[in-house]
Amino acid sequence: MDEIMAAFWENTSALRQSDIDWLRSQKIGTDAIAHDPGEYGYLLSRANVVFDDDGGAFSFASEQPDIAATAAYVLPVRDEDGEVVDLIAWRPKDHVIAAWRRYVTVAGLQNVYAPRMGEALPVYLDPLDWLRNGREGVVIADSAGAVFALRDAGSLAAHSRQQARHLRRAFASLNPRIITQSARKEAA
């Protein structure tokens, strides 16, 4: 964790007011911007990064100074026990999300085994939706790896029928119960 957080603090900067204004215009609450629901509460930051060609990983611009970097949002990612194990970078304009060390395939893993009182685990394909919902549940960075990470998560909640279809295809080998949140809210 020390290496990961050292890289985070060394390579990221605070959000600019224009970032905050854009995030707020996307209906993201200040709590989701300022911290995650965990014990230490890491904030969303920004950095110049280089995404790998396959989009599965990123490097900080300082690690690859000869390659053109792009601005992205960066945040620490926890494992099931709440320990920081990696960083993810997210570029909203083209929905690219990648891990720094490729240790994680899902952000929000600390929520997988948290008490849900019978509720399905909210699963998001886009960090924007995850942030809109206060970082509740998880956001998938790598669908293939997410199958392994979420194998024991129980029921999964998709926020749309399209996402439910995507999850059913990705998780076909596990055949989990997938609930569409919009349908659940209409029934309530």
C-alpha atoms as a PDB file:
ATOM      1  CA  MET A   1       0.000   0.000   0.000  1.00  0.00           C
ATOM      2  CA  ASP A   2       2.825   2.427   0.782  1.00  0.00           C
ATOM      3  CA  GLU A   3       4.156   2.304  -2.802  1.00  0.00           C
ATOM      4  CA  ILE A   4       0.675   2.755  -4.225  1.00  0.00           C
ATOM      5  CA  MET A   5      -0.262   5.702  -2.040  1.00  0.00           C
ATOM      6  CA  ALA A   6       3.167   7.283  -2.526  1.00  0.00           C
ATOM      7  CA  ALA A   7       2.628   7.132  -6.299  1.00  0.00           C
ATOM      8  CA  PHE A   8      -0.876   8.525  -5.867  1.00  0.00           C
ATOM      9  CA  TRP A   9       0.238  11.531  -3.802  1.00  0.00           C
ATOM     10  CA  GLU A  10       3.318  12.150  -5.966  1.00  0.00           C
ATOM     11  CA  ASN A  11       1.555  12.009  -9.341  1.00  0.00           C
ATOM     12  CA  THR A  12      -1.932  13.374  -8.751  1.00  0.00           C
ATOM     13  CA  SER A  13      -3.236  16.831  -8.030  1.00  0.00           C
ATOM     14  CA  ALA A  14      -6.414  18.236  -6.585  1.00  0.00           C
ATOM     15  CA  LEU A  15      -9.379  18.620  -8.870  1.00  0.00           C
ATOM     16  CA  ARG A  16      -9.673  21.987 -10.568  1.00  0.00           C
ATOM     17  CA  GLN A  17     -12.855  23.981 -10.121  1.00  0.00           C
ATOM     18  CA  SER A  18     -13.775  23.136 -13.724  1.00  0.00           C
ATOM     19  CA  ASP A  19     -13.502  19.409 -12.856  1.00  0.00           C
ATOM     20  CA  ILE A  20     -15.731  19.854  -9.823  1.00  0.00           C
ATOM     21  CA  ASP A  21     -18.231  21.882 -11.857  1.00  0.00           C
ATOM     22  CA  TRP A  22     -18.341  19.190 -14.551  1.00  0.00           C
ATOM     23  CA  LEU A  23     -18.719  16.369 -12.019  1.00  0.00           C
ATOM     24  CA  ARG A  24     -21.514  18.258 -10.233  1.00  0.00           C
ATOM     25  CA  SER A  25     -23.224  18.891 -13.609  1.00  0.00           C
ATOM     26  CA  GLN A  26     -23.213  15.094 -14.046  1.00  0.00           C
ATOM     27  CA  LYS A  27     -25.211  14.782 -10.802  1.00  0.00           C
ATOM     28  CA  ILE A  28     -22.297  13.504  -8.722  1.00  0.00           C
ATOM     29  CA  GLY A  29     -22.581  14.455  -5.065  1.00  0.00           C
ATOM     30  CA  THR A  30     -19.790  16.167  -3.210  1.00  0.00           C
ATOM     31  CA  ASP A  31     -19.395  13.173  -0.882  1.00  0.00           C
ATOM     32  CA  ALA A  32     -18.604  10.872  -3.827  1.00  0.00           C
ATOM     33  CA  ILE A  33     -16.072  13.411  -5.124  1.00  0.00           C
ATOM     34  CA  ALA A  34     -14.476  14.049  -1.745  1.00  0.00           C
ATOM     35  CA  HIS A  35     -14.145  10.512  -0.369  1.00  0.00           C
ATOM     36  CA  ASP A  36     -15.152   6.902  -0.634  1.00  0.00           C
ATOM     37  CA  PRO A  37     -17.328   5.377   2.076  1.00  0.00           C
ATOM     38  CA  GLY A  38     -14.342   3.606   3.634  1.00  0.00           C
ATOM     39  CA  GLU A  39     -12.536   4.258   6.856  1.00  0.00           C
ATOM     40  CA  TYR A  40      -9.954   6.616   5.357  1.00  0.00           C
ATOM     41  CA  GLY A  41     -11.976   8.181   2.563  1.00  0.00           C
ATOM     42  CA  TYR A  42      -9.795   8.831  -0.471  1.00  0.00           C
ATOM     43  CA  LEU A  43     -10.729  11.655  -2.765  1.00  0.00           C
ATOM     44  CA  LEU A  44     -11.025  11.672  -6.524  1.00  0.00           C
ATOM     45  CA  SER A  45      -7.927  13.360  -7.989  1.00  0.00           C
ATOM     46  CA  ARG A  46      -6.556  14.143 -11.416  1.00  0.00           C
ATOM     47  CA  ALA A  47      -3.329  13.253 -13.181  1.00  0.00           C
ATOM     48  CA  ASN A  48      -1.688  13.095 -16.558  1.00  0.00           C
ATOM     49  CA  VAL A  49      -1.538   9.449 -17.554  1.00  0.00           C
ATOM     50  CA  VAL A  50      -0.708   7.197 -20.480  1.00  0.00           C
ATOM     51  CA  PHE A  51      -3.221   4.430 -21.168  1.00  0.00           C
ATOM     52  CA  ASP A  52      -1.857   1.178 -22.609  1.00  0.00           C
ATOM     53  CA  ASP A  53      -2.984   0.370 -26.137  1.00  0.00           C
ATOM     54  CA  ASP A  54      -5.327  -2.337 -24.847  1.00  0.00           C
ATOM     55  CA  GLY A  55      -6.782   0.061 -22.253  1.00  0.00           C
ATOM     56  CA  GLY A  56      -6.249  -2.392 -19.401  1.00  0.00           C
ATOM     57  CA  ALA A  57      -3.533  -0.459 -17.596  1.00  0.00           C
ATOM     58  CA  PHE A  58      -2.133   3.027 -17.285  1.00  0.00           C
ATOM     59  CA  SER A  59       1.128   4.690 -16.339  1.00  0.00           C
ATOM     60  CA  PHE A  60       1.665   8.118 -14.901  1.00  0.00           C
ATOM     61  CA  ALA A  61       3.187  10.632 -17.315  1.00  0.00           C
ATOM     62  CA  SER A  62       6.297  10.751 -15.098  1.00  0.00           C
ATOM     63  CA  GLU A  63       6.837   7.019 -15.760  1.00  0.00           C
ATOM     64  CA  GLN A  64       6.714   7.461 -19.548  1.00  0.00           C
ATOM     65  CA  PRO A  65       7.918  11.001 -20.267  1.00  0.00           C
ATOM     66  CA  ASP A  66       8.423  10.355 -24.001  1.00  0.00           C
ATOM     67  CA  ILE A  67       4.781   9.430 -24.634  1.00  0.00           C
ATOM     68  CA  ALA A  68       1.993  11.991 -24.895  1.00  0.00           C
ATOM     69  CA  ALA A  69      -0.159  11.864 -21.774  1.00  0.00           C
ATOM     70  CA  THR A  70      -3.823  12.662 -21.289  1.00  0.00           C
ATOM     71  CA  ALA A  71      -5.720  14.030 -18.311  1.00  0.00           C
ATOM     72  CA  ALA A  72      -7.700  11.504 -16.277  1.00  0.00           C
ATOM     73  CA  TYR A  73      -9.349  11.131 -12.897  1.00  0.00           C
ATOM     74  CA  VAL A  74      -7.477   8.819 -10.524  1.00  0.00           C
ATOM     75  CA  LEU A  75      -8.502   7.179  -7.278  1.00  0.00           C
ATOM     76  CA  PRO A  76      -7.173   4.524  -4.896  1.00  0.00           C
ATOM     77  CA  VAL A  77      -8.949   1.171  -5.080  1.00  0.00           C
ATOM     78  CA  ARG A  78      -9.508  -1.130  -2.117  1.00  0.00           C
ATOM     79  CA  ASP A  79      -9.680  -4.884  -1.863  1.00  0.00           C
ATOM     80  CA  GLU A  80     -12.387  -6.848  -0.045  1.00  0.00           C
ATOM     81  CA  ASP A  81     -10.788  -6.016   3.317  1.00  0.00           C
ATOM     82  CA  GLY A  82     -10.647  -2.273   2.620  1.00  0.00           C
ATOM     83  CA  GLU A  83      -6.892  -2.119   1.997  1.00  0.00           C
ATOM     84  CA  VAL A  84      -5.655   0.030  -0.893  1.00  0.00           C
ATOM     85  CA  VAL A  85      -4.229  -2.352  -3.499  1.00  0.00           C
ATOM     86  CA  ASP A  86      -4.150  -0.351  -6.733  1.00  0.00           C
ATOM     87  CA  LEU A  87      -5.156   2.863  -8.464  1.00  0.00           C
ATOM     88  CA  ILE A  88      -7.597   3.323 -11.307  1.00  0.00           C
ATOM     89  CA  ALA A  89      -7.602   6.053 -13.913  1.00  0.00           C
ATOM     90  CA  TRP A  90     -10.738   7.056 -15.755  1.00  0.00           C
ATOM     91  CA  ARG A  91     -11.110   9.209 -18.846  1.00  0.00           C
ATOM     92  CA  PRO A  92     -14.811  10.101 -19.127  1.00  0.00           C
ATOM     93  CA  LYS A  93     -14.802  11.349 -22.722  1.00  0.00           C
ATOM     94  CA  ASP A  94     -14.328   7.833 -24.101  1.00  0.00           C
ATOM     95  CA  HIS A  95     -15.171   5.735 -21.005  1.00  0.00           C
ATOM     96  CA  VAL A  96     -11.650   4.334 -20.616  1.00  0.00           C
ATOM     97  CA  ILE A  97     -10.955   2.887 -17.169  1.00  0.00           C
ATOM     98  CA  ALA A  98      -7.701   1.131 -16.309  1.00  0.00           C
ATOM     99  CA  ALA A  99      -5.704  -0.056 -13.308  1.00  0.00           C
ATOM    100  CA  TRP A 100      -2.172   1.142 -12.577  1.00  0.00           C
ATOM    101  CA  ARG A 101      -0.698  -2.232 -11.534  1.00  0.00           C
ATOM    102  CA  ARG A 102      -3.506  -4.420 -12.920  1.00  0.00           C
ATOM    103  CA  TYR A 103      -4.103  -5.810  -9.439  1.00  0.00           C
ATOM    104  CA  VAL A 104      -7.818  -5.016  -9.529  1.00  0.00           C
ATOM    105  CA  THR A 105     -10.565  -5.573 -12.041  1.00  0.00           C
ATOM    106  CA  VAL A 106     -13.309  -3.975  -9.958  1.00  0.00           C
ATOM    107  CA  ALA A 107     -13.359  -0.731  -7.947  1.00  0.00           C
ATOM    108  CA  GLY A 108     -15.357  -0.837  -4.724  1.00  0.00           C
ATOM    109  CA  LEU A 109     -14.434  -4.386  -3.712  1.00  0.00           C
ATOM    110  CA  GLN A 110     -14.727  -3.340  -0.061  1.00  0.00           C
ATOM    111  CA  ASN A 111     -18.488  -3.256  -0.730  1.00  0.00           C
ATOM    112  CA  VAL A 112     -18.723  -6.870  -1.950  1.00  0.00           C
ATOM    113  CA  TYR A 113     -18.873  -8.487   1.488  1.00  0.00           C
ATOM    114  CA  ALA A 114     -20.272  -5.501   3.375  1.00  0.00           C
ATOM    115  CA  PRO A 115     -23.703  -6.135   4.922  1.00  0.00           C
ATOM    116  CA  ARG A 116     -26.437  -5.544   2.333  1.00  0.00           C
ATOM    117  CA  MET A 117     -29.481  -6.839   4.237  1.00  0.00           C
ATOM    118  CA  GLY A 118     -30.537  -9.071   1.366  1.00  0.00           C
ATOM    119  CA  GLU A 119     -30.039  -6.387  -1.257  1.00  0.00           C
ATOM    120  CA  ALA A 120     -28.249  -7.189  -4.500  1.00  0.00           C
ATOM    121  CA  LEU A 121     -24.787  -5.690  -5.025  1.00  0.00           C
ATOM    122  CA  PRO A 122     -25.040  -2.674  -7.363  1.00  0.00           C
ATOM    123  CA  VAL A 123     -22.720  -3.180 -10.344  1.00  0.00           C
ATOM    124  CA  TYR A 124     -21.802  -0.369 -12.737  1.00  0.00           C
ATOM    125  CA  LEU A 125     -19.976  -0.441 -16.050  1.00  0.00           C
ATOM    126  CA  ASP A 126     -19.153   3.274 -15.987  1.00  0.00           C
ATOM    127  CA  PRO A 127     -17.454   5.135 -13.109  1.00  0.00           C
ATOM    128  CA  LEU A 128     -19.821   8.056 -13.736  1.00  0.00           C
ATOM    129  CA  ASP A 129     -22.822   5.945 -12.689  1.00  0.00           C
ATOM    130  CA  TRP A 130     -20.900   4.534  -9.724  1.00  0.00           C
ATOM    131  CA  LEU A 131     -19.977   8.028  -8.534  1.00  0.00           C
ATOM    132  CA  ARG A 132     -23.566   9.249  -9.064  1.00  0.00           C
ATOM    133  CA  ASN A 133     -24.595   6.548  -6.622  1.00  0.00           C
ATOM    134  CA  GLY A 134     -22.105   7.576  -3.953  1.00  0.00           C
ATOM    135  CA  ARG A 135     -19.569   4.823  -4.759  1.00  0.00           C
ATOM    136  CA  GLU A 136     -22.094   2.271  -3.562  1.00  0.00           C
ATOM    137  CA  GLY A 137     -21.459  -1.165  -5.021  1.00  0.00           C
ATOM    138  CA  VAL A 138     -18.732  -1.756  -7.602  1.00  0.00           C
ATOM    139  CA  VAL A 139     -17.635  -0.519 -10.999  1.00  0.00           C
ATOM    140  CA  ILE A 140     -16.098  -2.991 -13.426  1.00  0.00           C
ATOM    141  CA  ALA A 141     -12.728  -2.095 -14.930  1.00  0.00           C
ATOM    142  CA  ASP A 142     -12.154  -5.484 -16.623  1.00  0.00           C
ATOM    143  CA  SER A 143     -15.149  -7.748 -17.332  1.00  0.00           C
ATOM    144  CA  ALA A 144     -13.132 -10.969 -17.595  1.00  0.00           C
ATOM    145  CA  GLY A 145     -11.415 -10.421 -14.257  1.00  0.00           C
ATOM    146  CA  ALA A 146     -14.589  -9.164 -12.609  1.00  0.00           C
ATOM    147  CA  VAL A 147     -16.147 -12.619 -12.978  1.00  0.00           C
ATOM    148  CA  PHE A 148     -13.500 -13.975 -10.613  1.00  0.00           C
ATOM    149  CA  ALA A 149     -13.640 -10.983  -8.244  1.00  0.00           C
ATOM    150  CA  LEU A 150     -17.435 -11.135  -7.895  1.00  0.00           C
ATOM    151  CA  ARG A 151     -17.925 -14.909  -7.934  1.00  0.00           C
ATOM    152  CA  ASP A 152     -19.156 -14.981  -4.321  1.00  0.00           C
ATOM    153  CA  ALA A 153     -20.939 -11.611  -4.293  1.00  0.00           C
ATOM    154  CA  GLY A 154     -24.448 -13.068  -4.430  1.00  0.00           C
ATOM    155  CA  SER A 155     -27.148 -11.266  -6.406  1.00  0.00           C
ATOM    156  CA  LEU A 156     -26.011  -8.442  -8.659  1.00  0.00           C
ATOM    157  CA  ALA A 157     -28.033  -5.307  -9.404  1.00  0.00           C
ATOM    158  CA  ALA A 158     -27.782  -3.757 -12.870  1.00  0.00           C
ATOM    159  CA  HIS A 159     -28.971  -0.193 -13.371  1.00  0.00           C
ATOM    160  CA  SER A 160     -30.472  -0.864 -16.823  1.00  0.00           C
ATOM    161  CA  ARG A 161     -31.727  -3.734 -18.954  1.00  0.00           C
ATOM    162  CA  GLN A 162     -28.764  -3.246 -21.293  1.00  0.00           C
ATOM    163  CA  GLN A 163     -26.340  -3.578 -18.400  1.00  0.00           C
ATOM    164  CA  ALA A 164     -28.217  -6.634 -17.110  1.00  0.00           C
ATOM    165  CA  ARG A 165     -27.736  -8.302 -20.526  1.00  0.00           C
ATOM    166  CA  HIS A 166     -24.036  -7.400 -20.455  1.00  0.00           C
ATOM    167  CA  LEU A 167     -23.645  -8.855 -16.952  1.00  0.00           C
ATOM    168  CA  ARG A 168     -25.509 -12.046 -17.883  1.00  0.00           C
ATOM    169  CA  ARG A 169     -23.144 -12.595 -20.838  1.00  0.00           C
ATOM    170  CA  ALA A 170     -20.017 -11.772 -18.807  1.00  0.00           C
ATOM    171  CA  PHE A 171     -21.079 -13.918 -15.824  1.00  0.00           C
ATOM    172  CA  ALA A 172     -22.705 -16.770 -17.796  1.00  0.00           C
ATOM    173  CA  SER A 173     -20.389 -19.377 -16.260  1.00  0.00           C
ATOM    174  CA  LEU A 174     -21.539 -18.420 -12.730  1.00  0.00           C
ATOM    175  CA  ASN A 175     -25.189 -17.787 -13.541  1.00  0.00           C
ATOM    176  CA  PRO A 176     -25.760 -15.234 -10.743  1.00  0.00           C
ATOM    177  CA  ARG A 177     -29.137 -13.683  -9.983  1.00  0.00           C
ATOM    178  CA  ILE A 178     -29.129 -10.284 -11.746  1.00  0.00           C
ATOM    179  CA  ILE A 179     -31.741  -7.699 -10.864  1.00  0.00           C
ATOM    180  CA  THR A 180     -32.431  -4.585 -12.912  1.00  0.00           C
ATOM    181  CA  GLN A 181     -32.586  -1.685 -10.446  1.00  0.00           C
ATOM    182  CA  SER A 182     -34.964   0.381 -12.591  1.00  0.00           C
ATOM    183  CA  ALA A 183     -37.494  -2.472 -12.558  1.00  0.00           C
ATOM    184  CA  ARG A 184     -37.054  -2.912  -8.799  1.00  0.00           C
ATOM    185  CA  LYS A 185     -37.647   0.811  -8.174  1.00  0.00           C
ATOM    186  CA  GLU A 186     -40.797   0.782 -10.339  1.00  0.00           C
ATOM    187  CA  ALA A 187     -42.205  -2.121  -8.333  1.00  0.00           C
ATOM    188  CA  ALA A 188     -41.660  -0.350  -5.007  1.00  0.00           C
END
